[in-house]
Amino acid sequence: MVQIDHPLIAITAYVEPARWSLWDVEAALVPQMFVEAVQAAGGIALLVPPDAAFSERAAERLIDSVDGLLLTGGPDVDASLYGAEPAAEHEGSRIERDESEMALIKATIEADKPLLAVCRGMQLLNVVCGGNLVQDVPGFHRPNPGSFEGSEHEVRLSEGSLAATVAGGTKHVGMQHHHQGIDRVGEGLEVTGWAVGDDLPEAVEMADRRFVLGVQWHPEADPDSPVIQAFVEACSVEAV
C-alpha cells in the first residue's frame, strides 16, 4: 500500500439554472456541503460536470487521474435506463448526466478505486448494476422538501458491513431527502442498510471491491457524520 497526501476526489456536478451577481444562466455546480466535507477530510475536491464525450475510454482516463469518485444527489434517474416509463410522480431527469456518470461508475469499479454514491448516486449505481427503482416512496423519506431540517431518520446496518464500519455502528441516524429508492437490487450489490419504518434499502456495497458504497442518506449534510471522512481515507491509500 502507498499513502497519498491530499487525495484527488472527483465529485459529480449538476447542470442547473443558477443566479449570482448580474447573471442568470445554466451552471455546473455542486452543493458546497460536499466540497467542504471532502476538504475537511483532507481531500482535494474536483468538480466533474456531465459530458457527452465520456466514452468508456474517456471515463477510464479520468478515473486513472483521480483517487476516488463521489456521486452526488440530484434529479430523478431517467426511467428509460432501467426499462420503465416515468411514473406520474417522476420529477424530471437529466439523461446526459445519468449517462456520463454511468460511464464513470463503471470505470471506477473496474479500476477498483473507492466510490461513494450518495442518494441519487446510490440509485444510479444500482441501475448500472442492472437493478431498478421505486419511482415514489413514502413521504417520511423527504419530510421537508428543499431542506434537511427535521430530516433525521434511523437506519439499521448489517454488522460487519462496510456501511456499519464507516458509519460507526449498526444503528445510524441519517439526513433523509429523497422520493425514489431501490427496488430490484443490481448484480454484485449487497443491501447492508435499511430504513427503520419500511425497510427501504439505505446502503448497498460490493464485497469484491475495496470500497464501493452507496448510502441513501446525506452524510454531507451532517457535520458529525464519519462517512465522507472514511471515504477520503480510503482514497488516500493506493493499492500496489
C-alpha atoms as a PDB file:
ATOM      1  CA  MET A   1       0.000   0.000   0.000  1.00  0.00           C
ATOM      2  CA  VAL A   2       1.107   3.558  -0.788  1.00  0.00           C
ATOM      3  CA  GLN A   3      -0.130   6.506   1.276  1.00  0.00           C
ATOM      4  CA  ILE A   4      -1.384   9.509  -0.710  1.00  0.00           C
ATOM      5  CA  ASP A   5      -1.364  13.027   0.734  1.00  0.00           C
ATOM      6  CA  HIS A   6      -4.477  15.054  -0.120  1.00  0.00           C
ATOM      7  CA  PRO A   7      -6.188  12.527  -2.433  1.00  0.00           C
ATOM      8  CA  LEU A   8      -7.926  13.881  -5.514  1.00  0.00           C
ATOM      9  CA  ILE A   9     -11.681  13.306  -5.293  1.00  0.00           C
ATOM     10  CA  ALA A  10     -13.832  13.626  -8.410  1.00  0.00           C
ATOM     11  CA  ILE A  11     -17.273  14.958  -7.421  1.00  0.00           C
ATOM     12  CA  THR A  12     -20.054  14.728  -9.989  1.00  0.00           C
ATOM     13  CA  ALA A  13     -21.726  18.057 -10.715  1.00  0.00           C
ATOM     14  CA  TYR A  14     -25.210  19.204 -11.625  1.00  0.00           C
ATOM     15  CA  VAL A  15     -26.022  21.406 -14.602  1.00  0.00           C
ATOM     16  CA  GLU A  16     -28.898  23.623 -13.493  1.00  0.00           C
ATOM     17  CA  PRO A  17     -30.149  27.201 -13.813  1.00  0.00           C
ATOM     18  CA  ALA A  18     -28.324  29.428 -11.314  1.00  0.00           C
ATOM     19  CA  ARG A  19     -28.261  33.116 -10.353  1.00  0.00           C
ATOM     20  CA  TRP A  20     -25.448  35.200  -8.918  1.00  0.00           C
ATOM     21  CA  SER A  21     -24.493  38.854  -9.238  1.00  0.00           C
ATOM     22  CA  LEU A  22     -25.986  40.032 -12.554  1.00  0.00           C
ATOM     23  CA  TRP A  23     -26.112  36.551 -14.091  1.00  0.00           C
ATOM     24  CA  ASP A  24     -28.990  34.142 -14.610  1.00  0.00           C
ATOM     25  CA  VAL A  25     -27.606  31.227 -16.640  1.00  0.00           C
ATOM     26  CA  GLU A  26     -27.087  27.476 -16.542  1.00  0.00           C
ATOM     27  CA  ALA A  27     -24.120  26.488 -14.409  1.00  0.00           C
ATOM     28  CA  ALA A  28     -22.170  23.379 -13.464  1.00  0.00           C
ATOM     29  CA  LEU A  29     -22.479  23.240  -9.692  1.00  0.00           C
ATOM     30  CA  VAL A  30     -22.173  21.084  -6.596  1.00  0.00           C
ATOM     31  CA  PRO A  31     -23.682  21.807  -3.169  1.00  0.00           C
ATOM     32  CA  GLN A  32     -20.878  23.347  -1.123  1.00  0.00           C
ATOM     33  CA  MET A  33     -21.545  20.830   1.652  1.00  0.00           C
ATOM     34  CA  PHE A  34     -19.931  18.105  -0.475  1.00  0.00           C
ATOM     35  CA  VAL A  35     -16.861  20.216  -1.198  1.00  0.00           C
ATOM     36  CA  GLU A  36     -16.408  21.257   2.428  1.00  0.00           C
ATOM     37  CA  ALA A  37     -16.825  17.683   3.679  1.00  0.00           C
ATOM     38  CA  VAL A  38     -14.151  16.394   1.283  1.00  0.00           C
ATOM     39  CA  GLN A  39     -11.797  19.242   2.125  1.00  0.00           C
ATOM     40  CA  ALA A  40     -12.324  18.802   5.876  1.00  0.00           C
ATOM     41  CA  ALA A  41     -11.383  15.138   5.459  1.00  0.00           C
ATOM     42  CA  GLY A  42      -8.107  16.084   3.773  1.00  0.00           C
ATOM     43  CA  GLY A  43      -9.108  15.566   0.146  1.00  0.00           C
ATOM     44  CA  ILE A  44      -8.951  17.901  -2.839  1.00  0.00           C
ATOM     45  CA  ALA A  45     -12.358  18.344  -4.483  1.00  0.00           C
ATOM     46  CA  LEU A  46     -12.506  18.276  -8.296  1.00  0.00           C
ATOM     47  CA  LEU A  47     -15.871  19.022  -9.897  1.00  0.00           C
ATOM     48  CA  VAL A  48     -16.820  16.888 -12.906  1.00  0.00           C
ATOM     49  CA  PRO A  49     -19.802  18.111 -14.959  1.00  0.00           C
ATOM     50  CA  PRO A  50     -21.747  15.903 -17.377  1.00  0.00           C
ATOM     51  CA  ASP A  51     -20.029  15.425 -20.715  1.00  0.00           C
ATOM     52  CA  ALA A  52     -21.297  13.582 -23.780  1.00  0.00           C
ATOM     53  CA  ALA A  53     -17.654  12.734 -24.555  1.00  0.00           C
ATOM     54  CA  PHE A  54     -17.488  10.332 -21.596  1.00  0.00           C
ATOM     55  CA  SER A  55     -16.926   7.252 -23.679  1.00  0.00           C
ATOM     56  CA  GLU A  56     -15.640   4.177 -21.882  1.00  0.00           C
ATOM     57  CA  ARG A  57     -12.040   5.172 -22.642  1.00  0.00           C
ATOM     58  CA  ALA A  58     -12.501   8.816 -21.647  1.00  0.00           C
ATOM     59  CA  ALA A  59     -14.061   7.754 -18.339  1.00  0.00           C
ATOM     60  CA  GLU A  60     -11.166   5.365 -17.723  1.00  0.00           C
ATOM     61  CA  ARG A  61      -8.644   8.153 -18.337  1.00  0.00           C
ATOM     62  CA  LEU A  62     -10.398  10.482 -15.907  1.00  0.00           C
ATOM     63  CA  ILE A  63     -10.643   7.835 -13.188  1.00  0.00           C
ATOM     64  CA  ASP A  64      -6.985   6.931 -13.728  1.00  0.00           C
ATOM     65  CA  SER A  65      -6.103  10.534 -12.848  1.00  0.00           C
ATOM     66  CA  VAL A  66      -8.006  10.711  -9.527  1.00  0.00           C
ATOM     67  CA  ASP A  67      -8.056   8.713  -6.302  1.00  0.00           C
ATOM     68  CA  GLY A  68     -11.805   8.280  -5.845  1.00  0.00           C
ATOM     69  CA  LEU A  69     -15.283   9.151  -7.125  1.00  0.00           C
ATOM     70  CA  LEU A  70     -18.074  10.800  -5.127  1.00  0.00           C
ATOM     71  CA  LEU A  71     -21.539  10.702  -6.715  1.00  0.00           C
ATOM     72  CA  THR A  72     -23.866  13.441  -5.513  1.00  0.00           C
ATOM     73  CA  GLY A  73     -27.649  13.742  -5.394  1.00  0.00           C
ATOM     74  CA  GLY A  74     -29.870  15.469  -7.914  1.00  0.00           C
ATOM     75  CA  PRO A  75     -32.866  14.886 -10.192  1.00  0.00           C
ATOM     76  CA  ASP A  76     -34.559  11.526 -10.712  1.00  0.00           C
ATOM     77  CA  VAL A  77     -32.652   8.897 -12.659  1.00  0.00           C
ATOM     78  CA  ASP A  78     -34.158   8.632 -16.145  1.00  0.00           C
ATOM     79  CA  ALA A  79     -36.653   5.763 -16.017  1.00  0.00           C
ATOM     80  CA  SER A  80     -35.730   4.548 -19.508  1.00  0.00           C
ATOM     81  CA  LEU A  81     -32.336   3.476 -18.182  1.00  0.00           C
ATOM     82  CA  TYR A  82     -33.988   0.680 -16.214  1.00  0.00           C
ATOM     83  CA  GLY A  83     -36.655  -0.141 -18.804  1.00  0.00           C
ATOM     84  CA  ALA A  84     -39.550   1.767 -17.268  1.00  0.00           C
ATOM     85  CA  GLU A  85     -41.884   4.578 -18.178  1.00  0.00           C
ATOM     86  CA  PRO A  86     -41.797   7.628 -15.903  1.00  0.00           C
ATOM     87  CA  ALA A  87     -44.494   7.462 -13.243  1.00  0.00           C
ATOM     88  CA  ALA A  88     -46.836  10.355 -12.547  1.00  0.00           C
ATOM     89  CA  GLU A  89     -44.644  11.316  -9.579  1.00  0.00           C
ATOM     90  CA  HIS A  90     -41.477  11.491 -11.725  1.00  0.00           C
ATOM     91  CA  GLU A  91     -39.863  14.883 -11.121  1.00  0.00           C
ATOM     92  CA  GLY A  92     -37.716  15.182 -14.239  1.00  0.00           C
ATOM     93  CA  SER A  93     -34.308  13.822 -15.140  1.00  0.00           C
ATOM     94  CA  ARG A  94     -31.047  14.761 -16.863  1.00  0.00           C
ATOM     95  CA  ILE A  95     -30.214  11.742 -19.007  1.00  0.00           C
ATOM     96  CA  GLU A  96     -26.951  13.284 -20.231  1.00  0.00           C
ATOM     97  CA  ARG A  97     -25.816  13.437 -16.625  1.00  0.00           C
ATOM     98  CA  ASP A  98     -27.014   9.889 -15.952  1.00  0.00           C
ATOM     99  CA  GLU A  99     -25.088   8.515 -18.932  1.00  0.00           C
ATOM    100  CA  SER A 100     -21.908  10.442 -18.065  1.00  0.00           C
ATOM    101  CA  GLU A 101     -21.960   9.198 -14.502  1.00  0.00           C
ATOM    102  CA  MET A 102     -22.753   5.643 -15.537  1.00  0.00           C
ATOM    103  CA  ALA A 103     -19.517   5.606 -17.545  1.00  0.00           C
ATOM    104  CA  LEU A 104     -17.608   6.958 -14.530  1.00  0.00           C
ATOM    105  CA  ILE A 105     -19.162   4.372 -12.203  1.00  0.00           C
ATOM    106  CA  LYS A 106     -18.168   1.518 -14.496  1.00  0.00           C
ATOM    107  CA  ALA A 107     -14.619   2.843 -14.827  1.00  0.00           C
ATOM    108  CA  THR A 108     -14.258   3.274 -11.068  1.00  0.00           C
ATOM    109  CA  ILE A 109     -15.480  -0.242 -10.301  1.00  0.00           C
ATOM    110  CA  GLU A 110     -13.226  -1.695 -12.988  1.00  0.00           C
ATOM    111  CA  ALA A 111     -10.199   0.202 -11.600  1.00  0.00           C
ATOM    112  CA  ASP A 112     -11.123  -0.851  -8.033  1.00  0.00           C
ATOM    113  CA  LYS A 113     -10.910   2.715  -6.778  1.00  0.00           C
ATOM    114  CA  PRO A 114     -13.062   3.987  -3.897  1.00  0.00           C
ATOM    115  CA  LEU A 115     -16.594   5.050  -4.829  1.00  0.00           C
ATOM    116  CA  LEU A 116     -19.116   6.715  -2.539  1.00  0.00           C
ATOM    117  CA  ALA A 117     -22.586   7.121  -4.033  1.00  0.00           C
ATOM    118  CA  VAL A 118     -24.977   9.428  -2.151  1.00  0.00           C
ATOM    119  CA  CYS A 119     -28.789   9.400  -2.542  1.00  0.00           C
ATOM    120  CA  ARG A 120     -29.435   9.604  -6.312  1.00  0.00           C
ATOM    121  CA  GLY A 121     -25.859   8.371  -6.741  1.00  0.00           C
ATOM    122  CA  MET A 122     -26.769   5.147  -4.919  1.00  0.00           C
ATOM    123  CA  GLN A 123     -29.821   4.752  -7.131  1.00  0.00           C
ATOM    124  CA  LEU A 124     -27.740   5.233 -10.279  1.00  0.00           C
ATOM    125  CA  LEU A 125     -25.150   2.727  -9.021  1.00  0.00           C
ATOM    126  CA  ASN A 126     -27.978   0.206  -8.665  1.00  0.00           C
ATOM    127  CA  VAL A 127     -29.174   0.911 -12.215  1.00  0.00           C
ATOM    128  CA  VAL A 128     -25.630   0.481 -13.594  1.00  0.00           C
ATOM    129  CA  CYS A 129     -25.602  -2.971 -11.969  1.00  0.00           C
ATOM    130  CA  GLY A 130     -28.903  -3.925 -13.635  1.00  0.00           C
ATOM    131  CA  GLY A 131     -31.317  -3.033 -10.850  1.00  0.00           C
ATOM    132  CA  ASN A 132     -34.375  -0.812 -10.963  1.00  0.00           C
ATOM    133  CA  LEU A 133     -36.037   1.827  -8.800  1.00  0.00           C
ATOM    134  CA  VAL A 134     -39.232   2.591  -6.933  1.00  0.00           C
ATOM    135  CA  GLN A 135     -40.285   5.878  -8.504  1.00  0.00           C
ATOM    136  CA  ASP A 136     -42.023   7.286  -5.435  1.00  0.00           C
ATOM    137  CA  VAL A 137     -41.547   6.275  -1.792  1.00  0.00           C
ATOM    138  CA  PRO A 138     -43.408   7.241   1.415  1.00  0.00           C
ATOM    139  CA  GLY A 139     -43.232  10.909   2.302  1.00  0.00           C
ATOM    140  CA  PHE A 140     -41.312  10.429   5.547  1.00  0.00           C
ATOM    141  CA  HIS A 141     -38.194   9.927   3.413  1.00  0.00           C
ATOM    142  CA  ARG A 142     -38.466  13.592   2.404  1.00  0.00           C
ATOM    143  CA  PRO A 143     -40.250  15.292   5.276  1.00  0.00           C
ATOM    144  CA  ASN A 144     -39.208  18.829   4.372  1.00  0.00           C
ATOM    145  CA  PRO A 145     -38.663  19.312   0.602  1.00  0.00           C
ATOM    146  CA  GLY A 146     -35.784  21.651  -0.121  1.00  0.00           C
ATOM    147  CA  SER A 147     -34.327  21.404   3.387  1.00  0.00           C
ATOM    148  CA  PHE A 148     -32.632  18.889   5.674  1.00  0.00           C
ATOM    149  CA  GLU A 149     -34.312  20.426   8.719  1.00  0.00           C
ATOM    150  CA  GLY A 150     -36.170  17.724  10.618  1.00  0.00           C
ATOM    151  CA  SER A 151     -34.984  15.023   8.208  1.00  0.00           C
ATOM    152  CA  GLU A 152     -33.201  12.765  10.707  1.00  0.00           C
ATOM    153  CA  HIS A 153     -34.177   9.139  10.229  1.00  0.00           C
ATOM    154  CA  GLU A 154     -32.875   5.928  11.807  1.00  0.00           C
ATOM    155  CA  VAL A 155     -31.132   3.341   9.645  1.00  0.00           C
ATOM    156  CA  ARG A 156     -30.114  -0.155  10.690  1.00  0.00           C
ATOM    157  CA  LEU A 157     -26.901  -1.543   9.197  1.00  0.00           C
ATOM    158  CA  SER A 158     -25.559  -5.074   8.885  1.00  0.00           C
ATOM    159  CA  GLU A 159     -22.969  -5.939  11.498  1.00  0.00           C
ATOM    160  CA  GLY A 160     -19.501  -6.187   9.977  1.00  0.00           C
ATOM    161  CA  SER A 161     -20.525  -4.424   6.759  1.00  0.00           C
ATOM    162  CA  LEU A 162     -18.599  -1.566   5.177  1.00  0.00           C
ATOM    163  CA  ALA A 163     -21.638   0.652   5.823  1.00  0.00           C
ATOM    164  CA  ALA A 164     -21.618  -0.108   9.548  1.00  0.00           C
ATOM    165  CA  THR A 165     -17.845   0.307   9.720  1.00  0.00           C
ATOM    166  CA  VAL A 166     -17.819   3.778   8.166  1.00  0.00           C
ATOM    167  CA  ALA A 167     -20.999   4.931   9.957  1.00  0.00           C
ATOM    168  CA  GLY A 168     -19.666   3.847  13.344  1.00  0.00           C
ATOM    169  CA  GLY A 169     -22.126   1.088  14.213  1.00  0.00           C
ATOM    170  CA  THR A 170     -25.217  -0.864  13.232  1.00  0.00           C
ATOM    171  CA  LYS A 171     -27.589   1.952  14.210  1.00  0.00           C
ATOM    172  CA  HIS A 172     -27.213   5.248  12.402  1.00  0.00           C
ATOM    173  CA  VAL A 173     -29.286   8.401  12.128  1.00  0.00           C
ATOM    174  CA  GLY A 174     -29.050   9.913   8.656  1.00  0.00           C
ATOM    175  CA  MET A 175     -30.391  13.018   6.974  1.00  0.00           C
ATOM    176  CA  GLN A 176     -33.115  11.984   4.514  1.00  0.00           C
ATOM    177  CA  HIS A 177     -34.177  13.799   1.344  1.00  0.00           C
ATOM    178  CA  HIS A 178     -35.366  11.545  -1.468  1.00  0.00           C
ATOM    179  CA  HIS A 179     -38.558  10.332  -3.091  1.00  0.00           C
ATOM    180  CA  GLN A 180     -37.139   7.397  -5.077  1.00  0.00           C
ATOM    181  CA  GLY A 181     -35.319   4.296  -3.925  1.00  0.00           C
ATOM    182  CA  ILE A 182     -34.016   0.857  -4.821  1.00  0.00           C
ATOM    183  CA  ASP A 183     -36.489  -1.844  -5.858  1.00  0.00           C
ATOM    184  CA  ARG A 184     -34.713  -4.799  -7.529  1.00  0.00           C
ATOM    185  CA  VAL A 185     -31.100  -4.900  -6.377  1.00  0.00           C
ATOM    186  CA  GLY A 186     -28.418  -4.854  -9.061  1.00  0.00           C
ATOM    187  CA  GLU A 187     -25.992  -7.711  -9.667  1.00  0.00           C
ATOM    188  CA  GLY A 188     -22.926  -7.674  -7.430  1.00  0.00           C
ATOM    189  CA  LEU A 189     -24.524  -5.333  -4.892  1.00  0.00           C
ATOM    190  CA  GLU A 190     -25.480  -6.346  -1.376  1.00  0.00           C
ATOM    191  CA  VAL A 191     -28.016  -4.411   0.661  1.00  0.00           C
ATOM    192  CA  THR A 192     -26.459  -3.720   4.062  1.00  0.00           C
ATOM    193  CA  GLY A 193     -28.708  -0.923   5.353  1.00  0.00           C
ATOM    194  CA  TRP A 194     -32.469  -0.484   5.743  1.00  0.00           C
ATOM    195  CA  ALA A 195     -34.723   2.374   6.777  1.00  0.00           C
ATOM    196  CA  VAL A 196     -36.411   1.835  10.118  1.00  0.00           C
ATOM    197  CA  GLY A 197     -40.109   2.042   9.297  1.00  0.00           C
ATOM    198  CA  ASP A 198     -40.398   0.437   5.864  1.00  0.00           C
ATOM    199  CA  ASP A 199     -37.096  -1.430   5.268  1.00  0.00           C
ATOM    200  CA  LEU A 200     -36.323   0.540   2.108  1.00  0.00           C
ATOM    201  CA  PRO A 201     -32.665  -0.124   1.182  1.00  0.00           C
ATOM    202  CA  GLU A 202     -30.466   2.589   2.700  1.00  0.00           C
ATOM    203  CA  ALA A 203     -26.998   1.181   1.964  1.00  0.00           C
ATOM    204  CA  VAL A 204     -25.516  -1.073  -0.722  1.00  0.00           C
ATOM    205  CA  GLU A 205     -21.954  -2.227  -1.212  1.00  0.00           C
ATOM    206  CA  MET A 206     -19.721  -4.553  -3.239  1.00  0.00           C
ATOM    207  CA  ALA A 207     -17.909  -7.225  -1.284  1.00  0.00           C
ATOM    208  CA  ASP A 208     -15.352  -7.858  -4.041  1.00  0.00           C
ATOM    209  CA  ARG A 209     -14.143  -4.245  -4.235  1.00  0.00           C
ATOM    210  CA  ARG A 210     -12.000  -2.213  -1.811  1.00  0.00           C
ATOM    211  CA  PHE A 211     -14.610   0.486  -1.234  1.00  0.00           C
ATOM    212  CA  VAL A 212     -17.833   0.711  -3.208  1.00  0.00           C
ATOM    213  CA  LEU A 213     -20.605   2.064  -1.006  1.00  0.00           C
ATOM    214  CA  GLY A 214     -23.964   3.626  -1.720  1.00  0.00           C
ATOM    215  CA  VAL A 215     -25.912   5.412   1.011  1.00  0.00           C
ATOM    216  CA  GLN A 216     -29.428   6.733   0.604  1.00  0.00           C
ATOM    217  CA  TRP A 217     -28.978   9.325   3.336  1.00  0.00           C
ATOM    218  CA  HIS A 218     -26.930  12.545   3.069  1.00  0.00           C
ATOM    219  CA  PRO A 219     -23.678  12.414   5.092  1.00  0.00           C
ATOM    220  CA  GLU A 220     -22.540  15.714   3.586  1.00  0.00           C
ATOM    221  CA  ALA A 221     -25.411  17.447   5.413  1.00  0.00           C
ATOM    222  CA  ASP A 222     -24.329  16.151   8.817  1.00  0.00           C
ATOM    223  CA  PRO A 223     -21.071  17.613  10.200  1.00  0.00           C
ATOM    224  CA  ASP A 224     -20.944  14.771  12.740  1.00  0.00           C
ATOM    225  CA  SER A 225     -21.167  12.002  10.120  1.00  0.00           C
ATOM    226  CA  PRO A 226     -17.932   9.981   9.706  1.00  0.00           C
ATOM    227  CA  VAL A 227     -18.893   8.585   6.291  1.00  0.00           C
ATOM    228  CA  ILE A 228     -17.121  11.053   3.978  1.00  0.00           C
ATOM    229  CA  GLN A 229     -14.066  11.076   6.253  1.00  0.00           C
ATOM    230  CA  ALA A 230     -13.852   7.280   5.921  1.00  0.00           C
ATOM    231  CA  PHE A 231     -14.262   7.521   2.136  1.00  0.00           C
ATOM    232  CA  VAL A 232     -11.484  10.106   1.777  1.00  0.00           C
ATOM    233  CA  GLU A 233      -9.242   7.992   3.993  1.00  0.00           C
ATOM    234  CA  ALA A 234      -9.885   5.019   1.690  1.00  0.00           C
ATOM    235  CA  CYS A 235      -8.919   7.246  -1.264  1.00  0.00           C
ATOM    236  CA  SER A 236      -5.638   8.111   0.467  1.00  0.00           C
ATOM    237  CA  VAL A 237      -4.442   4.514   0.250  1.00  0.00           C
ATOM    238  CA  GLU A 238      -3.342   3.284  -3.164  1.00  0.00           C
ATOM    239  CA  ALA A 239      -3.218  -0.460  -3.719  1.00  0.00           C
ATOM    240  CA  VAL A 240       0.023  -1.637  -5.375  1.00  0.00           C
END
